[in-house]
Amino acid sequence: MTDVWVAAVAVLVALIVLTMIRLIAGPTVPDRVVALDAINTLTVAAMILLAVLYGQIIFVDVAIVYALLSFVGTLYIAKYIGGELGQ
């Protein structure tokens, strides 16, 4: 049964690596911001799967805090790109 969870985490890690390529090679800044947000979302999903795999609730708590911080970070970057913070 744990093989399914390990495979799911491996798929998420592979997706994170592919998204990092997009983050590095993104032609525009908004593309890179979307890639960063996708990496954060995939990381949260991986943490939740690891919580199930290892039976540790602390991973869920860390995932919740990480999701909140990544959401705030994405909003900040979006406002910076939109020019609302520079004025």
N, C-alpha and C. Protein backbone atom coordinates (compact mmCIF):
# COMPACT_ATOMS: atom_id res chain seq x y z
N MET A 1 0.82 -1.20 0.00
CA MET A 1 0.00 0.00 0.00
C MET A 1 0.86 1.26 0.00
N THR A 2 2.01 1.17 0.65
CA THR A 2 2.86 2.36 0.70
C THR A 2 3.49 2.66 -0.65
N ASP A 3 3.55 1.65 -1.52
CA ASP A 3 4.13 1.89 -2.84
C ASP A 3 3.31 2.90 -3.64
N VAL A 4 2.00 2.90 -3.43
CA VAL A 4 1.14 3.85 -4.13
C VAL A 4 1.45 5.27 -3.69
N TRP A 5 1.63 5.47 -2.38
CA TRP A 5 1.93 6.81 -1.86
C TRP A 5 3.31 7.27 -2.30
N VAL A 6 4.26 6.36 -2.30
CA VAL A 6 5.61 6.71 -2.75
C VAL A 6 5.59 7.06 -4.23
N ALA A 7 4.84 6.33 -5.02
CA ALA A 7 4.73 6.64 -6.46
C ALA A 7 4.06 7.99 -6.67
N ALA A 8 3.05 8.28 -5.86
CA ALA A 8 2.37 9.59 -6.00
C ALA A 8 3.31 10.73 -5.66
N VAL A 9 4.10 10.56 -4.60
CA VAL A 9 5.08 11.59 -4.23
C VAL A 9 6.14 11.72 -5.32
N ALA A 10 6.55 10.61 -5.91
CA ALA A 10 7.55 10.65 -6.98
C ALA A 10 7.01 11.41 -8.20
N VAL A 11 5.74 11.20 -8.50
CA VAL A 11 5.13 11.93 -9.61
C VAL A 11 5.09 13.43 -9.31
N LEU A 12 4.74 13.77 -8.08
CA LEU A 12 4.71 15.19 -7.71
C LEU A 12 6.11 15.82 -7.77
N VAL A 13 7.11 15.08 -7.34
CA VAL A 13 8.48 15.60 -7.41
C VAL A 13 8.90 15.78 -8.87
N ALA A 14 8.53 14.85 -9.73
CA ALA A 14 8.83 15.00 -11.16
C ALA A 14 8.14 16.24 -11.73
N LEU A 15 6.90 16.47 -11.32
CA LEU A 15 6.19 17.66 -11.79
C LEU A 15 6.83 18.94 -11.27
N ILE A 16 7.32 18.89 -10.03
CA ILE A 16 8.02 20.05 -9.48
C ILE A 16 9.27 20.35 -10.29
N VAL A 17 10.01 19.32 -10.66
CA VAL A 17 11.22 19.53 -11.46
C VAL A 17 10.87 20.13 -12.82
N LEU A 18 9.81 19.61 -13.45
CA LEU A 18 9.40 20.16 -14.74
C LEU A 18 8.96 21.62 -14.61
N THR A 19 8.28 21.92 -13.53
CA THR A 19 7.84 23.29 -13.31
C THR A 19 9.02 24.21 -13.02
N MET A 20 10.06 23.67 -12.37
CA MET A 20 11.26 24.48 -12.14
C MET A 20 11.92 24.86 -13.46
N ILE A 21 11.87 23.95 -14.42
CA ILE A 21 12.41 24.28 -15.75
C ILE A 21 11.63 25.45 -16.34
N ARG A 22 10.31 25.42 -16.18
CA ARG A 22 9.50 26.53 -16.67
C ARG A 22 9.80 27.82 -15.90
N LEU A 23 10.06 27.67 -14.61
CA LEU A 23 10.39 28.84 -13.79
C LEU A 23 11.69 29.49 -14.27
N ILE A 24 12.66 28.68 -14.60
CA ILE A 24 13.96 29.20 -15.04
C ILE A 24 13.87 29.75 -16.46
N ALA A 25 13.16 29.05 -17.34
CA ALA A 25 13.14 29.43 -18.75
C ALA A 25 11.93 30.27 -19.14
N GLY A 26 11.11 30.64 -18.15
CA GLY A 26 9.89 31.39 -18.48
C GLY A 26 10.21 32.67 -19.24
N PRO A 27 9.53 32.92 -20.34
CA PRO A 27 9.90 34.11 -21.12
C PRO A 27 9.49 35.42 -20.45
N THR A 28 8.45 35.40 -19.64
CA THR A 28 8.01 36.64 -19.00
C THR A 28 7.93 36.44 -17.49
N VAL A 29 7.86 37.53 -16.80
CA VAL A 29 7.79 37.47 -15.33
C VAL A 29 6.47 36.82 -14.87
N PRO A 30 5.32 37.16 -15.47
CA PRO A 30 4.10 36.46 -15.03
C PRO A 30 4.16 34.95 -15.23
N ASP A 31 4.82 34.48 -16.29
CA ASP A 31 4.98 33.04 -16.46
C ASP A 31 5.76 32.44 -15.30
N ARG A 32 6.78 33.14 -14.88
CA ARG A 32 7.60 32.65 -13.76
C ARG A 32 6.82 32.67 -12.45
N VAL A 33 5.97 33.67 -12.28
CA VAL A 33 5.17 33.73 -11.05
C VAL A 33 4.17 32.57 -11.01
N VAL A 34 3.56 32.29 -12.14
CA VAL A 34 2.63 31.16 -12.20
C VAL A 34 3.37 29.85 -11.94
N ALA A 35 4.57 29.71 -12.49
CA ALA A 35 5.36 28.51 -12.25
C ALA A 35 5.72 28.38 -10.77
N LEU A 36 6.07 29.50 -10.14
CA LEU A 36 6.39 29.46 -8.71
C LEU A 36 5.17 29.08 -7.89
N ASP A 37 4.02 29.60 -8.24
CA ASP A 37 2.79 29.24 -7.54
C ASP A 37 2.46 27.77 -7.73
N ALA A 38 2.69 27.26 -8.93
CA ALA A 38 2.45 25.83 -9.18
C ALA A 38 3.40 24.96 -8.36
N ILE A 39 4.66 25.39 -8.25
CA ILE A 39 5.62 24.65 -7.42
C ILE A 39 5.16 24.62 -5.97
N ASN A 40 4.68 25.76 -5.48
CA ASN A 40 4.20 25.81 -4.10
C ASN A 40 3.01 24.88 -3.90
N THR A 41 2.09 24.87 -4.84
CA THR A 41 0.92 24.00 -4.73
C THR A 41 1.33 22.53 -4.76
N LEU A 42 2.25 22.18 -5.65
CA LEU A 42 2.71 20.79 -5.73
C LEU A 42 3.46 20.39 -4.46
N THR A 43 4.20 21.33 -3.89
CA THR A 43 4.91 21.04 -2.64
C THR A 43 3.94 20.77 -1.50
N VAL A 44 2.88 21.55 -1.43
CA VAL A 44 1.86 21.33 -0.40
C VAL A 44 1.22 19.96 -0.58
N ALA A 45 0.91 19.60 -1.82
CA ALA A 45 0.32 18.29 -2.09
C ALA A 45 1.28 17.16 -1.69
N ALA A 46 2.56 17.35 -1.98
CA ALA A 46 3.56 16.34 -1.60
C ALA A 46 3.65 16.20 -0.09
N MET A 47 3.57 17.33 0.63
CA MET A 47 3.61 17.26 2.09
C MET A 47 2.41 16.52 2.65
N ILE A 48 1.25 16.73 2.04
CA ILE A 48 0.05 16.03 2.51
C ILE A 48 0.19 14.52 2.26
N LEU A 49 0.71 14.17 1.10
CA LEU A 49 0.92 12.74 0.82
C LEU A 49 1.95 12.13 1.76
N LEU A 50 2.99 12.89 2.08
CA LEU A 50 3.98 12.39 3.03
C LEU A 50 3.38 12.22 4.42
N ALA A 51 2.44 13.09 4.78
CA ALA A 51 1.75 12.96 6.06
C ALA A 51 0.96 11.66 6.11
N VAL A 52 0.33 11.32 5.01
CA VAL A 52 -0.42 10.06 4.96
C VAL A 52 0.55 8.88 4.98
N LEU A 53 1.63 9.01 4.22
CA LEU A 53 2.60 7.90 4.11
C LEU A 53 3.24 7.58 5.45
N TYR A 54 3.67 8.60 6.17
CA TYR A 54 4.37 8.38 7.44
C TYR A 54 3.45 8.44 8.65
N GLY A 55 2.20 8.86 8.47
CA GLY A 55 1.28 8.94 9.60
C GLY A 55 1.63 10.03 10.58
N GLN A 56 2.26 11.08 10.10
CA GLN A 56 2.67 12.20 10.97
C GLN A 56 1.80 13.41 10.66
N ILE A 57 1.09 13.89 11.64
CA ILE A 57 0.19 15.03 11.45
C ILE A 57 0.96 16.34 11.31
N ILE A 58 2.22 16.36 11.74
CA ILE A 58 3.00 17.59 11.67
C ILE A 58 3.21 18.03 10.24
N PHE A 59 3.24 17.08 9.31
CA PHE A 59 3.39 17.44 7.90
C PHE A 59 2.19 18.25 7.41
N VAL A 60 1.02 17.94 7.92
CA VAL A 60 -0.19 18.68 7.52
C VAL A 60 -0.11 20.11 8.06
N ASP A 61 0.34 20.24 9.30
CA ASP A 61 0.48 21.58 9.87
C ASP A 61 1.49 22.42 9.09
N VAL A 62 2.61 21.81 8.75
CA VAL A 62 3.62 22.52 7.96
C VAL A 62 3.07 22.87 6.58
N ALA A 63 2.31 21.97 6.00
CA ALA A 63 1.72 22.23 4.67
C ALA A 63 0.74 23.39 4.72
N ILE A 64 -0.04 23.48 5.79
CA ILE A 64 -1.00 24.58 5.91
C ILE A 64 -0.27 25.92 6.03
N VAL A 65 0.75 25.97 6.86
CA VAL A 65 1.51 27.21 7.02
C VAL A 65 2.22 27.57 5.72
N TYR A 66 2.79 26.57 5.04
CA TYR A 66 3.48 26.80 3.77
C TYR A 66 2.50 27.31 2.72
N ALA A 67 1.30 26.74 2.69
CA ALA A 67 0.29 27.20 1.72
C ALA A 67 -0.10 28.64 1.98
N LEU A 68 -0.25 28.99 3.25
CA LEU A 68 -0.62 30.37 3.59
C LEU A 68 0.49 31.34 3.19
N LEU A 69 1.72 30.99 3.51
CA LEU A 69 2.84 31.88 3.16
C LEU A 69 3.03 31.99 1.65
N SER A 70 2.84 30.90 0.94
CA SER A 70 2.99 30.97 -0.52
C SER A 70 1.87 31.79 -1.15
N PHE A 71 0.65 31.70 -0.58
CA PHE A 71 -0.45 32.51 -1.08
C PHE A 71 -0.16 34.00 -0.88
N VAL A 72 0.32 34.35 0.29
CA VAL A 72 0.65 35.76 0.57
C VAL A 72 1.79 36.22 -0.34
N GLY A 73 2.77 35.37 -0.54
CA GLY A 73 3.87 35.71 -1.42
C GLY A 73 3.44 35.92 -2.85
N THR A 74 2.55 35.08 -3.32
CA THR A 74 2.04 35.23 -4.68
C THR A 74 1.24 36.52 -4.83
N LEU A 75 0.45 36.84 -3.83
CA LEU A 75 -0.30 38.11 -3.87
C LEU A 75 0.65 39.30 -3.89
N TYR A 76 1.69 39.25 -3.09
CA TYR A 76 2.65 40.34 -3.04
C TYR A 76 3.35 40.51 -4.39
N ILE A 77 3.77 39.42 -4.98
CA ILE A 77 4.44 39.49 -6.29
C ILE A 77 3.48 40.01 -7.35
N ALA A 78 2.23 39.56 -7.31
CA ALA A 78 1.24 40.03 -8.29
C ALA A 78 1.01 41.53 -8.16
N LYS A 79 0.93 42.01 -6.93
CA LYS A 79 0.76 43.46 -6.73
C LYS A 79 2.00 44.22 -7.19
N TYR A 80 3.18 43.64 -6.98
CA TYR A 80 4.40 44.30 -7.43
C TYR A 80 4.45 44.37 -8.94
N ILE A 81 4.08 43.28 -9.60
CA ILE A 81 4.07 43.27 -11.07
C ILE A 81 3.03 44.23 -11.59
N GLY A 82 1.88 44.31 -10.93
CA GLY A 82 0.82 45.21 -11.36
C GLY A 82 1.12 46.67 -11.12
N GLY A 83 2.19 46.96 -10.39
CA GLY A 83 2.58 48.33 -10.15
C GLY A 83 1.88 48.98 -8.98
N GLU A 84 1.15 48.22 -8.18
CA GLU A 84 0.43 48.79 -7.06
C GLU A 84 1.32 49.05 -5.85
N LEU A 85 2.46 48.41 -5.77
CA LEU A 85 3.34 48.60 -4.61
C LEU A 85 4.41 49.66 -4.87
N GLY A 86 4.68 49.97 -6.11
CA GLY A 86 5.75 50.90 -6.43
C GLY A 86 5.35 52.36 -6.31
N GLN A 87 4.06 52.65 -6.17
CA GLN A 87 3.61 54.04 -6.16
C GLN A 87 3.49 54.59 -4.76
